Amino acid sequence: MPIAPHASVSTPALQARGVRKSFVSGRVQSTVLHDLTLEVRASELTLISGPSGCGKSTLLAILSGLQPADAGQVRALGHELNGLSMRALETFRLQHTGFVFQGFNLFPALTALEQVELPLSYMGLTKGLARKRAVESLEEVGLGPRMRLRPAELSGGEKQRVAIARALAKQPELLFADEPTSALDAANGQVVIDILHRIARAHGTTVLCVSHDPRLVGHADRVLAMEDGRILSDHVPLASPVASEAKEPSA
């Protein structure tokens, strides 16, 4: 079954209908997501905000195909994820998505350049093209001079930028970020926020970020506020690029 191509700007990059998820601990079943329905527009930075334990990371895992829902449908780039086999789902994630996690997920023995090249080799890129993309991505996040260093030689903010470069080098249509700033100080967190926003703007990538970091709100095109497994509000922040463009007077 072929994977659908890029979603157009007018078509939502991600759609969820009636998504429900529960977890069982002993004899207790806890519902984490309550029949959620939402759409994420292409080429925008969408933030899912809310307190810890509200279900936002679970929602991101389901929308990205890392975890199945108990009920409901998820459509990504025009393709029903529910209908994909495990192998097809892995291929979809490899070819179309990038991930940035709170814990960086870097290999201690690999240099920054090798970290970024690794998934590109799995995608079947030639060594030369993989090297070119990796270098360009590291330079884009400001790590060109440090690409030969290993994680132990990098700061927390630099490690997260390596993780972003690794995702960016794949040229994904969808980029998922799970609490990307929570392990960083204010200065490094702001750098990461700026980079994620620039990726959505410059590359036309659909960026879906879950975070309780209030600094992200002003950089998002759209904010979905969650609590207790439900979406309470859906709004465009006043300081967002979309709101700013809407305020500009016409010529």
Protein backbone atom coordinates (compact mmCIF):
# COMPACT_ATOMS: atom_id res chain seq x y z
CA MET A 1 0.00 0.00 0.00
CA PRO A 2 1.68 3.26 -1.09
CA ILE A 3 2.21 6.11 1.32
CA ALA A 4 0.38 9.32 0.48
CA PRO A 5 2.49 12.25 -0.75
CA HIS A 6 2.85 15.67 0.87
CA ALA A 7 -0.34 17.12 2.28
CA SER A 8 -1.39 20.32 0.57
CA VAL A 9 -1.67 23.55 2.51
CA SER A 10 -5.49 23.39 2.31
CA THR A 11 -5.61 19.82 3.62
CA PRO A 12 -4.96 19.16 7.32
CA ALA A 13 -1.63 17.39 7.77
CA LEU A 14 -3.04 15.49 10.75
CA GLN A 15 -6.59 14.56 11.64
CA ALA A 16 -7.95 12.67 14.63
CA ARG A 17 -11.54 11.54 15.03
CA GLY A 18 -12.92 10.17 18.28
CA VAL A 19 -9.52 9.11 19.59
CA ARG A 20 -9.70 7.34 22.94
CA LYS A 21 -6.91 5.81 25.02
CA SER A 22 -6.90 4.04 28.38
CA PHE A 23 -4.23 2.34 30.46
CA VAL A 24 -4.73 -0.49 32.93
CA SER A 25 -2.80 -0.79 36.19
CA GLY A 26 -3.81 -3.88 38.15
CA ARG A 27 -7.61 -3.75 38.29
CA VAL A 28 -7.80 -0.02 37.66
CA GLN A 29 -8.44 1.35 34.18
CA SER A 30 -7.65 5.03 33.63
CA THR A 31 -8.86 6.85 30.54
CA VAL A 32 -6.14 9.22 29.34
CA LEU A 33 -7.82 10.56 26.17
CA HIS A 34 -11.57 11.07 25.91
CA ASP A 35 -12.82 10.81 22.31
CA LEU A 36 -10.62 13.61 20.98
CA THR A 37 -11.24 15.15 17.57
CA LEU A 38 -8.83 17.66 16.08
CA GLU A 39 -7.06 18.81 12.94
CA VAL A 40 -3.48 20.08 12.59
CA ARG A 41 -2.91 22.37 9.62
CA ALA A 42 0.04 21.90 7.30
CA SER A 43 3.14 24.10 7.52
CA GLU A 44 2.26 25.49 10.95
CA LEU A 45 3.71 25.22 14.44
CA THR A 46 0.91 23.83 16.59
CA LEU A 47 1.39 23.67 20.35
CA ILE A 48 -0.49 21.29 22.62
CA SER A 49 -0.17 22.74 26.10
CA GLY A 50 -1.32 21.55 29.49
CA PRO A 51 -0.16 20.30 32.88
CA SER A 52 1.81 17.11 33.36
CA GLY A 53 -0.42 14.05 33.14
CA CYS A 54 -3.13 15.68 31.03
CA GLY A 55 -2.55 13.25 28.13
CA LYS A 56 -0.70 15.52 25.70
CA SER A 57 2.32 13.22 25.24
CA THR A 58 0.00 10.24 24.73
CA LEU A 59 -1.88 12.21 22.09
CA LEU A 60 1.37 13.06 20.31
CA ALA A 61 2.42 9.40 20.37
CA ILE A 62 -0.88 8.37 18.79
CA LEU A 63 -0.85 11.12 16.14
CA SER A 64 2.72 10.18 15.18
CA GLY A 65 1.99 6.47 14.92
CA LEU A 66 4.21 5.50 17.85
CA GLN A 67 1.23 4.18 19.80
CA PRO A 68 -2.19 2.85 18.72
CA ALA A 69 -5.45 4.36 19.95
CA ASP A 70 -8.06 2.17 21.60
CA ALA A 71 -10.75 3.75 19.43
CA GLY A 72 -11.05 6.39 16.74
CA GLN A 73 -9.15 7.19 13.55
CA VAL A 74 -5.90 9.02 12.83
CA ARG A 75 -5.12 10.35 9.38
CA ALA A 76 -1.64 11.68 8.59
CA LEU A 77 -0.66 13.24 5.25
CA GLY A 78 -3.85 11.85 3.77
CA HIS A 79 -3.23 8.29 4.92
CA GLU A 80 -5.14 6.30 7.55
CA LEU A 81 -2.56 5.18 10.12
CA ASN A 82 -5.02 2.66 11.56
CA GLY A 83 -4.93 0.73 8.30
CA LEU A 84 -1.14 0.38 8.12
CA SER A 85 0.69 -2.77 9.08
CA MET A 86 3.48 -2.46 11.63
CA ARG A 87 6.08 -2.55 8.88
CA ALA A 88 4.26 0.05 6.78
CA LEU A 89 3.89 2.25 9.85
CA GLU A 90 7.62 2.06 10.52
CA THR A 91 8.30 2.99 6.89
CA PHE A 92 5.89 5.91 7.15
CA ARG A 93 7.64 7.26 10.26
CA LEU A 94 11.08 6.81 8.69
CA GLN A 95 10.22 8.53 5.42
CA HIS A 96 7.80 11.25 6.54
CA THR A 97 8.34 12.16 10.19
CA GLY A 98 10.98 13.53 12.52
CA PHE A 99 11.04 13.34 16.32
CA VAL A 100 12.57 15.49 19.03
CA PHE A 101 12.30 14.26 22.61
CA GLN A 102 12.97 15.71 26.03
CA GLY A 103 15.86 13.31 26.65
CA PHE A 104 17.75 13.97 23.36
CA ASN A 105 18.14 10.21 22.60
CA LEU A 106 21.73 10.50 21.35
CA PHE A 107 24.29 7.70 21.11
CA PRO A 108 27.25 8.37 23.45
CA ALA A 109 29.87 6.97 21.05
CA LEU A 110 28.80 8.92 17.96
CA THR A 111 29.77 12.45 16.98
CA ALA A 112 27.07 15.01 16.26
CA LEU A 113 27.64 14.49 12.55
CA GLU A 114 27.32 10.71 12.87
CA GLN A 115 24.12 11.08 14.95
CA VAL A 116 22.49 13.05 12.13
CA GLU A 117 23.77 10.77 9.36
CA LEU A 118 22.50 7.56 10.99
CA PRO A 119 18.77 7.74 10.11
CA LEU A 120 19.64 8.96 6.62
CA SER A 121 21.49 5.72 5.95
CA TYR A 122 18.35 3.80 6.97
CA MET A 123 16.41 5.88 4.43
CA GLY A 124 18.70 4.62 1.67
CA LEU A 125 20.55 7.85 0.96
CA THR A 126 24.04 7.56 -0.48
CA LYS A 127 26.88 8.31 1.89
CA GLY A 128 27.69 11.52 0.07
CA LEU A 129 24.14 12.84 0.15
CA ALA A 130 23.70 11.82 3.78
CA ARG A 131 26.88 13.70 4.70
CA LYS A 132 25.74 16.79 2.76
CA ARG A 133 22.31 16.86 4.43
CA ALA A 134 23.77 16.23 7.87
CA VAL A 135 26.29 19.06 7.55
CA GLU A 136 23.65 21.47 6.26
CA SER A 137 21.26 20.62 9.09
CA LEU A 138 23.90 21.01 11.78
CA GLU A 139 24.94 24.33 10.31
CA GLU A 140 21.31 25.46 10.25
CA VAL A 141 20.98 24.89 14.00
CA GLY A 142 24.30 26.63 14.66
CA LEU A 143 26.46 23.58 15.34
CA GLY A 144 28.72 23.58 12.27
CA PRO A 145 31.90 24.14 14.30
CA ARG A 146 30.96 21.44 16.83
CA MET A 147 29.77 18.64 14.56
CA ARG A 148 32.80 16.43 15.35
CA LEU A 149 32.08 16.40 19.09
CA ARG A 150 30.35 13.62 21.03
CA PRO A 151 27.42 14.16 23.45
CA ALA A 152 29.67 14.25 26.54
CA GLU A 153 31.41 17.29 25.03
CA LEU A 154 28.18 19.18 24.33
CA SER A 155 25.89 21.21 26.56
CA GLY A 156 22.24 20.28 27.05
CA GLY A 157 21.12 22.91 24.58
CA GLU A 158 23.63 21.70 22.01
CA LYS A 159 22.47 18.10 22.45
CA GLN A 160 18.90 19.15 21.77
CA ARG A 161 20.03 21.04 18.67
CA VAL A 162 21.76 17.86 17.44
CA ALA A 163 18.46 16.02 17.94
CA ILE A 164 16.64 18.72 15.96
CA ALA A 165 19.25 18.56 13.19
CA ARG A 166 18.85 14.78 13.07
CA ALA A 167 15.10 15.20 12.52
CA LEU A 168 15.53 18.10 10.10
CA ALA A 169 18.03 16.26 7.88
CA LYS A 170 15.32 13.75 6.99
CA GLN A 171 13.35 16.62 5.41
CA PRO A 172 10.16 15.40 7.10
CA GLU A 173 6.69 16.70 6.34
CA LEU A 174 5.81 16.16 10.01
CA LEU A 175 8.02 17.05 12.98
CA PHE A 176 6.92 15.94 16.45
CA ALA A 177 8.50 17.51 19.54
CA ASP A 178 7.74 16.16 23.02
CA GLU A 179 8.69 18.64 25.79
CA PRO A 180 11.75 19.82 23.81
CA THR A 181 12.68 22.61 26.25
CA SER A 182 11.86 21.11 29.64
CA ALA A 183 15.43 19.92 30.33
CA LEU A 184 17.00 23.24 29.25
CA ASP A 185 17.71 26.56 30.93
CA ALA A 186 15.95 29.71 29.76
CA ALA A 187 18.55 30.77 27.19
CA ASN A 188 18.92 27.36 25.54
CA GLY A 189 15.17 26.79 25.68
CA GLN A 190 14.62 30.01 23.76
CA VAL A 191 17.13 28.95 21.09
CA VAL A 192 15.28 25.65 20.61
CA ILE A 193 11.92 27.44 20.39
CA ASP A 194 13.29 29.81 17.74
CA ILE A 195 14.66 26.90 15.70
CA LEU A 196 11.37 24.96 15.76
CA HIS A 197 9.50 28.06 14.65
CA ARG A 198 11.98 28.68 11.84
CA ILE A 199 11.66 25.09 10.61
CA ALA A 200 7.89 25.48 10.21
CA ARG A 201 8.33 28.82 8.42
CA ALA A 202 11.37 28.15 6.22
CA HIS A 203 10.79 24.50 5.34
CA GLY A 204 6.99 24.35 5.30
CA THR A 205 7.17 21.56 7.87
CA THR A 206 4.16 20.79 10.03
CA VAL A 207 5.51 21.01 13.58
CA LEU A 208 3.44 19.56 16.43
CA CYS A 209 4.89 20.28 19.85
CA VAL A 210 3.62 19.26 23.27
CA SER A 211 4.87 21.31 26.18
CA HIS A 212 3.92 23.07 29.40
CA ASP A 213 6.57 25.74 28.69
CA PRO A 214 4.71 29.09 28.42
CA ARG A 215 7.51 30.55 26.26
CA LEU A 216 6.32 28.44 23.34
CA VAL A 217 2.89 30.06 23.25
CA GLY A 218 3.99 33.28 21.57
CA HIS A 219 5.84 31.35 18.85
CA ALA A 220 3.00 29.00 17.94
CA ASP A 221 0.59 29.54 15.08
CA ARG A 222 -2.05 27.73 17.12
CA VAL A 223 -2.42 26.53 20.70
CA LEU A 224 -4.55 23.60 21.84
CA ALA A 225 -4.97 23.63 25.62
CA MET A 226 -5.52 20.21 27.21
CA GLU A 227 -6.64 19.10 30.63
CA ASP A 228 -7.72 15.67 31.88
CA GLY A 229 -7.58 14.10 28.44
CA ARG A 230 -9.75 16.72 26.73
CA ILE A 231 -9.07 19.78 24.58
CA LEU A 232 -10.43 22.78 26.46
CA SER A 233 -9.56 25.51 23.96
CA ASP A 234 -8.20 26.06 20.48
CA HIS A 235 -6.85 29.52 19.71
CA VAL A 236 -4.32 31.60 17.80
CA PRO A 237 -2.03 33.50 20.20
CA LEU A 238 -2.04 37.27 19.75
CA ALA A 239 1.75 37.29 19.32
CA SER A 240 1.86 34.43 16.82
CA PRO A 241 2.98 34.90 13.19
CA VAL A 242 -0.54 34.12 11.97
CA ALA A 243 -2.05 36.77 14.23
CA SER A 244 0.63 39.28 13.26
CA GLU A 245 0.00 38.73 9.56
CA ALA A 246 -3.74 39.11 10.13
CA LYS A 247 -3.13 42.50 11.74
CA GLU A 248 -1.07 43.88 8.86
CA PRO A 249 -3.00 46.46 6.82
CA SER A 250 -3.65 45.57 3.22
CA ALA A 251 -1.81 47.49 0.53
